[in-house]
Protein backbone atom coordinates (compact mmCIF):
# COMPACT_ATOMS: atom_id res chain seq x y z
CA MET A 1 71.20 219.32 49.66
CA GLY A 2 70.88 221.13 46.41
CA LEU A 3 73.49 221.55 43.72
CA LEU A 4 76.43 219.11 43.56
CA ARG A 5 75.29 217.08 46.56
CA ALA A 6 73.87 213.58 46.58
CA VAL A 7 71.45 213.46 49.46
CA SER A 8 70.54 210.01 50.74
CA PRO A 9 66.77 209.62 51.23
CA ALA A 10 67.39 207.47 54.34
CA ASP A 11 69.28 210.35 55.98
CA LEU A 12 66.15 212.51 55.78
CA ARG A 13 63.67 210.18 57.51
CA ASP A 14 63.49 212.31 60.67
CA THR A 15 64.03 215.70 59.05
CA PRO A 16 61.12 218.09 59.71
CA LEU A 17 58.95 219.25 56.82
CA THR A 18 59.38 222.89 55.78
CA TYR A 19 55.72 223.86 56.23
CA ALA A 20 53.07 223.49 58.94
CA GLU A 21 49.91 222.68 56.96
CA VAL A 22 50.61 218.96 56.51
CA GLY A 23 47.86 217.17 54.57
CA ALA A 24 46.16 220.40 53.49
CA THR A 25 46.12 219.39 49.79
CA GLY A 26 43.17 217.20 50.84
CA ASP A 27 41.22 220.11 52.35
CA ALA A 28 38.42 221.89 50.48
CA GLU A 29 40.40 225.14 50.67
CA LEU A 30 44.15 225.28 50.27
CA PRO A 31 46.00 227.24 53.00
CA ALA A 32 46.53 231.00 52.85
CA GLY A 33 49.99 232.41 52.28
CA TYR A 34 50.87 230.12 49.36
CA LEU A 35 50.33 230.05 45.63
CA HIS A 36 47.68 227.45 44.77
CA GLY A 37 47.25 225.23 41.78
CA GLU A 38 44.79 222.54 40.78
CA TRP A 39 44.72 220.66 37.49
CA THR A 40 42.05 218.06 36.75
CA GLU A 41 41.61 216.03 33.60
CA VAL A 42 39.54 213.06 32.47
CA VAL A 43 42.22 210.64 31.21
CA GLY A 44 40.01 207.69 30.25
CA SER A 45 37.23 205.46 31.53
CA GLY A 46 36.68 202.18 33.33
CA ARG A 47 38.29 200.20 36.10
CA GLU A 48 41.15 198.89 33.93
CA THR A 49 42.16 202.45 33.16
CA LEU A 50 41.97 203.33 36.85
CA GLU A 51 44.35 200.44 37.57
CA ARG A 52 46.83 201.54 34.87
CA VAL A 53 46.86 205.18 35.90
CA ALA A 54 47.09 204.39 39.62
CA ALA A 55 50.03 202.06 38.91
CA ALA A 56 51.74 204.92 37.06
CA VAL A 57 51.15 207.33 39.94
CA PHE A 58 52.63 204.86 42.44
CA ASP A 59 55.60 204.14 40.17
CA TRP A 60 56.70 207.83 40.16
CA THR A 61 55.85 208.00 36.42
CA PRO A 62 54.84 211.71 36.49
CA GLN A 63 58.14 212.67 38.12
CA ARG A 64 60.19 210.57 35.71
CA SER A 65 58.27 212.07 32.75
CA VAL A 66 59.92 215.43 33.36
CA GLY A 67 63.39 213.89 33.55
CA LEU A 68 63.71 213.69 37.32
CA ARG A 69 65.72 210.82 38.77
CA VAL A 70 63.94 209.15 41.68
CA ARG A 71 65.59 207.73 44.79
CA ALA A 72 63.21 206.69 47.56
CA THR A 73 63.15 204.79 50.84
CA GLY A 74 60.04 202.92 49.73
CA SER A 75 56.81 203.25 47.81
CA PRO A 76 54.61 206.36 47.67
CA ARG A 77 51.89 203.98 48.90
CA GLU A 78 53.40 204.41 52.39
CA VAL A 79 53.23 207.55 54.51
CA GLY A 80 56.74 208.43 55.66
CA THR A 81 58.51 207.37 52.46
CA VAL A 82 61.26 209.87 51.66
CA VAL A 83 62.00 210.60 48.02
CA VAL A 84 64.83 212.65 46.58
CA LEU A 85 64.10 213.80 43.05
CA THR A 86 67.17 214.98 41.17
CA ALA A 87 67.05 217.43 38.28
CA GLY A 88 70.00 217.86 35.95
CA LEU A 89 73.07 215.77 35.28
CA PRO A 90 74.02 212.87 37.58
CA ARG A 91 77.02 214.69 39.11
CA LEU A 92 75.70 218.22 38.63
CA GLY A 93 72.11 217.69 39.62
CA TYR A 94 69.88 219.52 42.04
CA ASP A 95 68.31 217.38 44.78
CA ILE A 96 64.64 218.01 45.56
CA PRO A 97 63.71 216.16 48.80
CA CYS A 98 60.13 215.32 49.84
CA ARG A 99 58.29 213.01 52.24
CA VAL A 100 54.98 211.24 51.59
CA VAL A 101 52.41 212.70 54.01
CA TRP A 102 49.23 211.02 52.71
CA ALA A 103 48.59 207.86 50.74
CA GLN A 104 45.48 206.00 49.58
CA PRO A 105 46.58 202.90 47.64
CA THR A 106 43.18 201.20 47.24
CA GLY A 107 39.59 202.05 46.36
CA ASP A 108 38.00 204.20 43.69
CA GLU A 109 40.24 207.14 44.62
CA ARG A 110 43.98 206.52 44.90
CA GLY A 111 47.07 208.57 45.17
CA PHE A 112 49.58 210.21 47.44
CA ALA A 113 50.80 213.61 48.59
CA TYR A 114 54.29 214.63 49.46
CA GLY A 115 55.61 217.60 51.36
CA THR A 116 58.84 219.50 51.05
CA LEU A 117 61.97 218.92 53.11
CA PRO A 118 64.90 221.33 53.60
CA GLY A 119 66.76 221.93 50.34
CA HIS A 120 63.63 221.82 48.18
CA PRO A 121 63.36 225.04 46.13
CA GLU A 122 59.78 225.43 47.34
CA SER A 123 57.92 224.96 50.60
CA GLY A 124 54.54 223.23 50.47
CA GLU A 125 52.75 220.10 49.34
CA GLU A 126 51.68 218.36 46.14
CA ARG A 127 48.97 215.70 45.76
CA PHE A 128 48.48 213.25 42.89
CA THR A 129 45.12 211.46 42.73
CA VAL A 130 43.27 209.33 40.26
CA ARG A 131 39.57 208.61 40.76
CA LEU A 132 36.90 206.47 39.14
CA THR A 133 33.65 208.43 39.06
CA GLY A 134 30.16 206.97 39.25
CA ASP A 135 29.85 207.60 35.49
CA GLY A 136 32.97 205.52 34.84
CA ASP A 137 35.32 208.39 34.03
CA VAL A 138 38.89 208.20 35.31
CA VAL A 139 39.90 211.62 36.57
CA ALA A 140 43.49 212.62 37.38
CA THR A 141 44.01 215.58 39.69
CA ILE A 142 47.13 217.39 40.84
CA ARG A 143 46.73 219.89 43.70
CA VAL A 144 49.54 221.99 45.08
CA PHE A 145 50.22 224.82 47.44
CA SER A 146 53.71 226.26 47.55
CA ARG A 147 55.92 229.26 48.04
CA LEU A 148 59.50 229.78 46.96
CA ALA A 149 61.93 228.67 49.67
CA THR A 150 65.54 228.78 48.51
CA PRO A 151 67.61 231.84 47.56
CA VAL A 152 68.03 230.50 44.01
CA ALA A 153 64.26 230.05 43.51
CA ARG A 154 63.49 233.44 45.08
CA ALA A 155 66.06 235.11 42.81
CA VAL A 156 64.13 234.09 39.68
CA PRO A 157 60.47 233.69 40.74
CA PRO A 158 58.95 233.85 37.24
CA VAL A 159 61.30 231.11 36.04
CA ALA A 160 60.56 228.92 39.09
CA ARG A 161 56.79 229.27 38.53
CA LEU A 162 57.13 228.62 34.80
CA VAL A 163 59.08 225.42 35.49
CA GLN A 164 56.43 224.26 37.98
CA GLY A 165 53.62 224.89 35.49
CA LEU A 166 55.43 223.07 32.68
CA ALA A 167 56.19 220.12 34.96
CA THR A 168 52.56 219.81 36.00
CA ARG A 169 51.38 219.72 32.39
CA ARG A 170 53.94 216.99 31.68
CA TYR A 171 52.76 215.08 34.77
CA LEU A 172 49.20 215.03 33.39
CA SER A 173 50.43 214.08 29.94
CA SER A 174 52.27 211.08 31.40
CA LEU A 175 49.05 209.95 33.12
CA ARG A 176 47.10 210.27 29.84
CA ARG A 177 49.71 208.04 28.19
CA ALA A 178 49.49 205.55 31.07
CA ALA A 179 45.69 205.43 30.65
CA THR A 180 45.99 204.21 27.08
CA ALA A 181 49.35 202.39 26.96
CA ASP A 182 48.18 198.85 27.74
CA ALA A 183 45.00 199.25 25.71
CA ILE A 184 47.01 200.29 22.64
CA ARG A 185 49.44 197.40 23.13
CA SER A 186 46.56 194.92 23.46
CA THR A 187 44.90 196.22 20.28
CA ARG A 188 48.15 196.03 18.34
CA SER A 189 48.86 192.51 19.63
CA ALA A 190 45.36 191.33 18.71
CA GLY A 191 45.67 192.86 15.25
CA THR A 192 49.06 191.33 14.46
CA GLY A 193 48.65 188.00 16.14
CA ARG A 194 51.75 188.69 18.26
CA PRO A 195 51.77 188.73 22.06
């Protein structure tokens, strides 16, 4: 895993997670001993927007928005799916392996959480949810608890944290774009008479 290696997601199906607090991104309080983060944003309104944003979440759109390549054993709709996200160039990339530990593909709140596998620069869990409120708002939330795990990440902690913060902001930006993408296309099509 890591630099210059192409990890197969299928080879990691039975690999243990690198942390004990599995599913804790769904708890009211995130576990002690980790850095915590939570970002919440209203990205639109209405059921159609919920559908668009949920589809983006389950299509790995946030991860792709930061330039990560995605290789997975299945959909993030399924607990147990292993995903290897690769940063960098195809042959000189850094593999970032995770496993889906929670998924809710239907209802007014949808999303998934994945936890870290050996070789990930951090140890912990990240959860992506989108929810339709009673007032009709569509709210995207990203919750994470993590600590630096690899020698490279521990050697440059401020850089590792900066990268994580930038990635999270890009994740939310991609979900805002997903909330409006089809609506913009429909308006343009109706205005021009083209499909």
